[in-house]
Amino acid sequence: KFLKKKYFLSIGRLTKQKNFDFLINSYSKIFTNTNEYKLIIIGEGEDRKKLQNMINNLNLQNYVYLIGYKDNIFKYFRNAECFILSSLWEDPGWVLIEAIASNTIVLSSNCPSGPKEIIGEKNGILFKNNSEEDFIDKYKLYKKLNLIEKEKILINSKKSVKKFTMFYHFKTLKKILN
């Protein structure tokens, strides 16, 4: 039922590391009383009940959805307006590579081990880790991007993730062994 609506996507275990409480709280400040974009969170974990209570307390039941674990996340990436990573830390951030491979622009926390190395300065948008103010500023920056600017980000990000493919690692290992 979400695939035909506009939505932002986030994926991960519902744990402290993924910082979904930060994302939901920040979302409530940006999207209150608008039906333009939903927030879809895919994943399961020990914080599910806490996050659902937060959604209910912020009266976001019609805007934020915890839809559980999904075997095939790529159809969600393909239809998402943007992928948001709110993690406090990553190792190494494979979901970013999956998002980029699916032609989805990434808005990510600049947490240790992953986002900065994968996204860099021009392959997505980074916000200060756990900074609501910077997240909101970077969200507004994303919303101002025109189609050409978004396409440029997607092209740059595709180029950057080539170094995370098995073929790239094979070629690197082959050079070392030769």
C-alpha atoms as a PDB file:
ATOM      1  CA  LYS A   1       0.000   0.000   0.000  1.00  0.00           C
ATOM      2  CA  PHE A   2       3.007   2.334   0.311  1.00  0.00           C
ATOM      3  CA  LEU A   3       4.560   1.726  -3.075  1.00  0.00           C
ATOM      4  CA  LYS A   4       2.228   4.177  -4.822  1.00  0.00           C
ATOM      5  CA  LYS A   5       2.681   6.985  -2.265  1.00  0.00           C
ATOM      6  CA  LYS A   6       5.545   9.402  -1.653  1.00  0.00           C
ATOM      7  CA  TYR A   7       7.730   8.227   1.192  1.00  0.00           C
ATOM      8  CA  PHE A   8      11.124   8.398   2.796  1.00  0.00           C
ATOM      9  CA  LEU A   9      12.685   5.073   3.704  1.00  0.00           C
ATOM     10  CA  SER A  10      14.863   3.872   6.534  1.00  0.00           C
ATOM     11  CA  ILE A  11      16.011   0.301   7.109  1.00  0.00           C
ATOM     12  CA  GLY A  12      17.718  -1.488   9.988  1.00  0.00           C
ATOM     13  CA  ARG A  13      17.357  -3.378  13.201  1.00  0.00           C
ATOM     14  CA  LEU A  14      15.125  -1.540  15.637  1.00  0.00           C
ATOM     15  CA  THR A  15      17.934  -0.975  18.131  1.00  0.00           C
ATOM     16  CA  LYS A  16      19.753   1.931  19.751  1.00  0.00           C
ATOM     17  CA  GLN A  17      22.498   1.812  17.084  1.00  0.00           C
ATOM     18  CA  LYS A  18      20.094   2.712  14.269  1.00  0.00           C
ATOM     19  CA  ASN A  19      18.796   5.739  16.221  1.00  0.00           C
ATOM     20  CA  PHE A  20      15.227   5.526  14.906  1.00  0.00           C
ATOM     21  CA  ASP A  21      13.910   7.447  17.922  1.00  0.00           C
ATOM     22  CA  PHE A  22      15.996  10.422  16.710  1.00  0.00           C
ATOM     23  CA  LEU A  23      14.599   9.984  13.193  1.00  0.00           C
ATOM     24  CA  ILE A  24      10.978   9.762  14.330  1.00  0.00           C
ATOM     25  CA  ASN A  25      11.336  12.784  16.606  1.00  0.00           C
ATOM     26  CA  SER A  26      13.046  14.825  13.854  1.00  0.00           C
ATOM     27  CA  TYR A  27      10.407  13.708  11.366  1.00  0.00           C
ATOM     28  CA  SER A  28       7.673  14.977  13.693  1.00  0.00           C
ATOM     29  CA  LYS A  29       9.220  18.456  13.606  1.00  0.00           C
ATOM     30  CA  ILE A  30       9.456  18.577   9.810  1.00  0.00           C
ATOM     31  CA  PHE A  31       6.338  16.771   8.680  1.00  0.00           C
ATOM     32  CA  THR A  32       3.681  17.649  11.238  1.00  0.00           C
ATOM     33  CA  ASN A  33       0.236  18.155   9.674  1.00  0.00           C
ATOM     34  CA  THR A  34       1.355  17.317   6.156  1.00  0.00           C
ATOM     35  CA  ASN A  35       0.414  14.313   4.132  1.00  0.00           C
ATOM     36  CA  GLU A  36       3.091  14.860   1.472  1.00  0.00           C
ATOM     37  CA  TYR A  37       5.597  12.197   2.583  1.00  0.00           C
ATOM     38  CA  LYS A  38       5.306   9.175   4.806  1.00  0.00           C
ATOM     39  CA  LEU A  39       8.227   7.653   6.681  1.00  0.00           C
ATOM     40  CA  ILE A  40       8.575   3.901   6.222  1.00  0.00           C
ATOM     41  CA  ILE A  41      10.908   2.005   8.558  1.00  0.00           C
ATOM     42  CA  ILE A  42      11.764  -1.594   7.648  1.00  0.00           C
ATOM     43  CA  GLY A  43      13.166  -3.842  10.354  1.00  0.00           C
ATOM     44  CA  GLU A  44      12.550  -5.675  13.598  1.00  0.00           C
ATOM     45  CA  GLY A  45      14.225  -5.465  16.975  1.00  0.00           C
ATOM     46  CA  GLU A  46      13.950  -4.969  20.695  1.00  0.00           C
ATOM     47  CA  ASP A  47      12.995  -1.266  20.379  1.00  0.00           C
ATOM     48  CA  ARG A  48       9.867  -1.898  18.287  1.00  0.00           C
ATOM     49  CA  LYS A  49       7.412  -1.348  21.142  1.00  0.00           C
ATOM     50  CA  LYS A  50       9.242   1.798  22.314  1.00  0.00           C
ATOM     51  CA  LEU A  51       9.258   3.222  18.784  1.00  0.00           C
ATOM     52  CA  GLN A  52       5.592   2.399  18.212  1.00  0.00           C
ATOM     53  CA  ASN A  53       4.715   4.129  21.490  1.00  0.00           C
ATOM     54  CA  MET A  54       6.732   7.155  20.370  1.00  0.00           C
ATOM     55  CA  ILE A  55       4.844   7.233  17.063  1.00  0.00           C
ATOM     56  CA  ASN A  56       1.536   7.051  18.935  1.00  0.00           C
ATOM     57  CA  ASN A  57       2.532   9.724  21.478  1.00  0.00           C
ATOM     58  CA  LEU A  58       3.577  12.092  18.687  1.00  0.00           C
ATOM     59  CA  ASN A  59       0.306  11.338  16.868  1.00  0.00           C
ATOM     60  CA  LEU A  60       2.180  10.131  13.770  1.00  0.00           C
ATOM     61  CA  GLN A  61       0.228   6.906  13.175  1.00  0.00           C
ATOM     62  CA  ASN A  62      -0.825   8.122   9.722  1.00  0.00           C
ATOM     63  CA  TYR A  63       2.674   9.286   8.762  1.00  0.00           C
ATOM     64  CA  VAL A  64       5.262   6.874  10.225  1.00  0.00           C
ATOM     65  CA  TYR A  65       5.023   3.128   9.677  1.00  0.00           C
ATOM     66  CA  LEU A  66       7.068   0.311  11.187  1.00  0.00           C
ATOM     67  CA  ILE A  67       6.471  -2.438   8.630  1.00  0.00           C
ATOM     68  CA  GLY A  68       8.728  -5.162  10.023  1.00  0.00           C
ATOM     69  CA  TYR A  69      11.322  -7.303   8.327  1.00  0.00           C
ATOM     70  CA  LYS A  70      11.114  -7.680   4.528  1.00  0.00           C
ATOM     71  CA  ASP A  71      12.920 -10.239   2.366  1.00  0.00           C
ATOM     72  CA  ASN A  72      12.980  -7.949  -0.663  1.00  0.00           C
ATOM     73  CA  ILE A  73      13.885  -4.370   0.232  1.00  0.00           C
ATOM     74  CA  PHE A  74      14.782  -3.301  -3.291  1.00  0.00           C
ATOM     75  CA  LYS A  75      11.220  -2.547  -4.365  1.00  0.00           C
ATOM     76  CA  TYR A  76      10.999  -0.176  -1.392  1.00  0.00           C
ATOM     77  CA  PHE A  77      14.278   1.511  -2.371  1.00  0.00           C
ATOM     78  CA  ARG A  78      13.168   1.844  -5.974  1.00  0.00           C
ATOM     79  CA  ASN A  79      10.011   3.738  -5.013  1.00  0.00           C
ATOM     80  CA  ALA A  80      11.424   5.828  -2.161  1.00  0.00           C
ATOM     81  CA  GLU A  81      11.922   9.563  -2.498  1.00  0.00           C
ATOM     82  CA  CYS A  82      15.063   9.304  -0.384  1.00  0.00           C
ATOM     83  CA  PHE A  83      16.807   6.828   1.937  1.00  0.00           C
ATOM     84  CA  ILE A  84      17.579   8.130   5.431  1.00  0.00           C
ATOM     85  CA  LEU A  85      20.262   6.576   7.636  1.00  0.00           C
ATOM     86  CA  SER A  86      20.085   7.889  11.194  1.00  0.00           C
ATOM     87  CA  SER A  87      22.597   5.478  12.783  1.00  0.00           C
ATOM     88  CA  LEU A  88      24.888   6.409  15.648  1.00  0.00           C
ATOM     89  CA  TRP A  89      27.546   4.114  14.088  1.00  0.00           C
ATOM     90  CA  GLU A  90      27.772   1.697  11.163  1.00  0.00           C
ATOM     91  CA  ASP A  91      30.026  -1.123  10.152  1.00  0.00           C
ATOM     92  CA  PRO A  92      30.424  -0.612   7.212  1.00  0.00           C
ATOM     93  CA  GLY A  93      27.045   0.612   5.987  1.00  0.00           C
ATOM     94  CA  TRP A  94      25.944  -1.935   3.383  1.00  0.00           C
ATOM     95  CA  VAL A  95      22.438  -0.510   3.338  1.00  0.00           C
ATOM     96  CA  LEU A  96      23.911   2.691   1.866  1.00  0.00           C
ATOM     97  CA  ILE A  97      25.401   0.695  -0.999  1.00  0.00           C
ATOM     98  CA  GLU A  98      22.063  -1.065  -1.529  1.00  0.00           C
ATOM     99  CA  ALA A  99      20.255   2.277  -1.617  1.00  0.00           C
ATOM    100  CA  ILE A 100      22.703   3.739  -4.128  1.00  0.00           C
ATOM    101  CA  ALA A 101      22.572   0.597  -6.268  1.00  0.00           C
ATOM    102  CA  SER A 102      18.784   1.079  -6.339  1.00  0.00           C
ATOM    103  CA  ASN A 103      19.085   4.693  -7.589  1.00  0.00           C
ATOM    104  CA  THR A 104      17.958   6.172  -4.302  1.00  0.00           C
ATOM    105  CA  ILE A 105      19.508   9.363  -2.962  1.00  0.00           C
ATOM    106  CA  VAL A 106      20.899   9.023   0.550  1.00  0.00           C
ATOM    107  CA  LEU A 107      20.505  11.444   3.461  1.00  0.00           C
ATOM    108  CA  SER A 108      22.745  10.036   6.186  1.00  0.00           C
ATOM    109  CA  SER A 109      24.188  10.779   9.579  1.00  0.00           C
ATOM    110  CA  ASN A 110      27.928  11.297   9.472  1.00  0.00           C
ATOM    111  CA  CYS A 111      28.424   8.483  11.945  1.00  0.00           C
ATOM    112  CA  PRO A 112      31.683   6.523  12.278  1.00  0.00           C
ATOM    113  CA  SER A 113      32.538   3.720   9.817  1.00  0.00           C
ATOM    114  CA  GLY A 114      30.568   3.978   6.653  1.00  0.00           C
ATOM    115  CA  PRO A 115      28.636   7.000   5.471  1.00  0.00           C
ATOM    116  CA  LYS A 116      31.482   9.459   4.928  1.00  0.00           C
ATOM    117  CA  GLU A 117      33.607   6.783   3.249  1.00  0.00           C
ATOM    118  CA  ILE A 118      30.770   5.723   0.949  1.00  0.00           C
ATOM    119  CA  ILE A 119      28.943   8.999   0.330  1.00  0.00           C
ATOM    120  CA  GLY A 120      31.793  11.481   0.626  1.00  0.00           C
ATOM    121  CA  GLU A 121      30.976  15.097  -0.179  1.00  0.00           C
ATOM    122  CA  LYS A 122      29.012  14.736  -3.425  1.00  0.00           C
ATOM    123  CA  ASN A 123      27.385  11.289  -3.459  1.00  0.00           C
ATOM    124  CA  GLY A 124      24.552  12.057  -1.063  1.00  0.00           C
ATOM    125  CA  ILE A 125      23.880  14.378   1.850  1.00  0.00           C
ATOM    126  CA  LEU A 126      25.494  13.984   5.269  1.00  0.00           C
ATOM    127  CA  PHE A 127      24.200  15.531   8.488  1.00  0.00           C
ATOM    128  CA  LYS A 128      25.987  15.762  11.830  1.00  0.00           C
ATOM    129  CA  ASN A 129      25.482  12.604  13.824  1.00  0.00           C
ATOM    130  CA  ASN A 130      22.513  12.897  16.198  1.00  0.00           C
ATOM    131  CA  SER A 131      22.012  16.612  15.408  1.00  0.00           C
ATOM    132  CA  GLU A 132      18.346  17.383  14.893  1.00  0.00           C
ATOM    133  CA  GLU A 133      19.109  20.925  13.764  1.00  0.00           C
ATOM    134  CA  ASP A 134      21.575  19.771  11.111  1.00  0.00           C
ATOM    135  CA  PHE A 135      19.248  16.967  10.001  1.00  0.00           C
ATOM    136  CA  ILE A 136      16.450  19.484   9.439  1.00  0.00           C
ATOM    137  CA  ASP A 137      18.826  21.837   7.575  1.00  0.00           C
ATOM    138  CA  LYS A 138      20.061  19.014   5.330  1.00  0.00           C
ATOM    139  CA  TYR A 139      16.490  17.839   4.725  1.00  0.00           C
ATOM    140  CA  LYS A 140      15.612  21.367   3.555  1.00  0.00           C
ATOM    141  CA  LEU A 141      18.709  21.330   1.336  1.00  0.00           C
ATOM    142  CA  TYR A 142      17.556  18.032  -0.175  1.00  0.00           C
ATOM    143  CA  LYS A 143      14.065  19.428  -0.817  1.00  0.00           C
ATOM    144  CA  LYS A 144      15.577  22.387  -2.730  1.00  0.00           C
ATOM    145  CA  LEU A 145      17.527  20.141  -5.133  1.00  0.00           C
ATOM    146  CA  ASN A 146      16.251  20.244  -8.677  1.00  0.00           C
ATOM    147  CA  LEU A 147      16.059  17.221 -10.963  1.00  0.00           C
ATOM    148  CA  ILE A 148      19.478  17.875 -12.548  1.00  0.00           C
ATOM    149  CA  GLU A 149      21.163  18.182  -9.140  1.00  0.00           C
ATOM    150  CA  LYS A 150      19.531  14.951  -7.961  1.00  0.00           C
ATOM    151  CA  GLU A 151      20.650  13.172 -11.124  1.00  0.00           C
ATOM    152  CA  LYS A 152      24.225  14.402 -10.593  1.00  0.00           C
ATOM    153  CA  ILE A 153      24.211  13.016  -7.038  1.00  0.00           C
ATOM    154  CA  LEU A 154      22.927   9.663  -8.312  1.00  0.00           C
ATOM    155  CA  ILE A 155      25.608   9.471 -11.024  1.00  0.00           C
ATOM    156  CA  ASN A 156      28.390  10.378  -8.580  1.00  0.00           C
ATOM    157  CA  SER A 157      27.127   7.889  -6.015  1.00  0.00           C
ATOM    158  CA  LYS A 158      26.993   5.083  -8.607  1.00  0.00           C
ATOM    159  CA  LYS A 159      30.637   5.755  -9.460  1.00  0.00           C
ATOM    160  CA  SER A 160      31.649   5.742  -5.794  1.00  0.00           C
ATOM    161  CA  VAL A 161      30.089   2.378  -4.935  1.00  0.00           C
ATOM    162  CA  LYS A 162      31.986   0.564  -7.701  1.00  0.00           C
ATOM    163  CA  LYS A 163      34.855   0.195  -5.258  1.00  0.00           C
ATOM    164  CA  PHE A 164      32.602  -1.890  -2.994  1.00  0.00           C
ATOM    165  CA  THR A 165      31.783  -4.580  -5.573  1.00  0.00           C
ATOM    166  CA  MET A 166      33.148  -8.107  -5.556  1.00  0.00           C
ATOM    167  CA  PHE A 167      34.738  -7.454  -8.961  1.00  0.00           C
ATOM    168  CA  TYR A 168      36.641  -4.451  -7.625  1.00  0.00           C
ATOM    169  CA  HIS A 169      37.904  -6.508  -4.674  1.00  0.00           C
ATOM    170  CA  PHE A 170      38.867  -9.319  -7.051  1.00  0.00           C
ATOM    171  CA  LYS A 171      40.890  -6.917  -9.228  1.00  0.00           C
ATOM    172  CA  THR A 172      42.584  -5.422  -6.155  1.00  0.00           C
ATOM    173  CA  LEU A 173      43.463  -8.855  -4.775  1.00  0.00           C
ATOM    174  CA  LYS A 174      44.748  -9.941  -8.182  1.00  0.00           C
ATOM    175  CA  LYS A 175      47.092  -6.905  -8.282  1.00  0.00           C
ATOM    176  CA  ILE A 176      48.386  -7.718  -4.809  1.00  0.00           C
ATOM    177  CA  LEU A 177      49.009 -11.352  -5.687  1.00  0.00           C
ATOM    178  CA  ASN A 178      50.760 -10.479  -8.939  1.00  0.00           C
END
